[in-house]
């Protein structure tokens, strides 16, 4: 189902599998919890253990590991986070209308997604 949704939105988004370092940096810098439909800053592990403690996720590293490995509690960990608010990429984004393979921006970037996320973080 996710692949079909990416195909529909493929000419409007860029995507790829991030590495663990990128996921960790993104969660620590831009991660906010969604608790009772409110955006809560994650200041300590108590926020995580209160919401996800029954799933066995008690600290930030547990949640990062669960998201990166797509473990059995991935859905709960994913819903725990408020959507990330990314900044515009430093240096701009030339040729936005072309596919990444053609020298543009949208489509599957594979391992090159890490550089883009670091420019936007």
Foldseek 3Di string as FASTA:
>chain_A
DVVVVCVVCQQPAEDAQEDLVLLVVQCVPFWFFQDPNDTHRCPFQVLVCVQCVVVVDRGPVSLSVCCNVVDPCNVSSVNGTDDGDWAAFPPHFPAQRDDVVVVHGTHYPYHCVSVRSVRGD
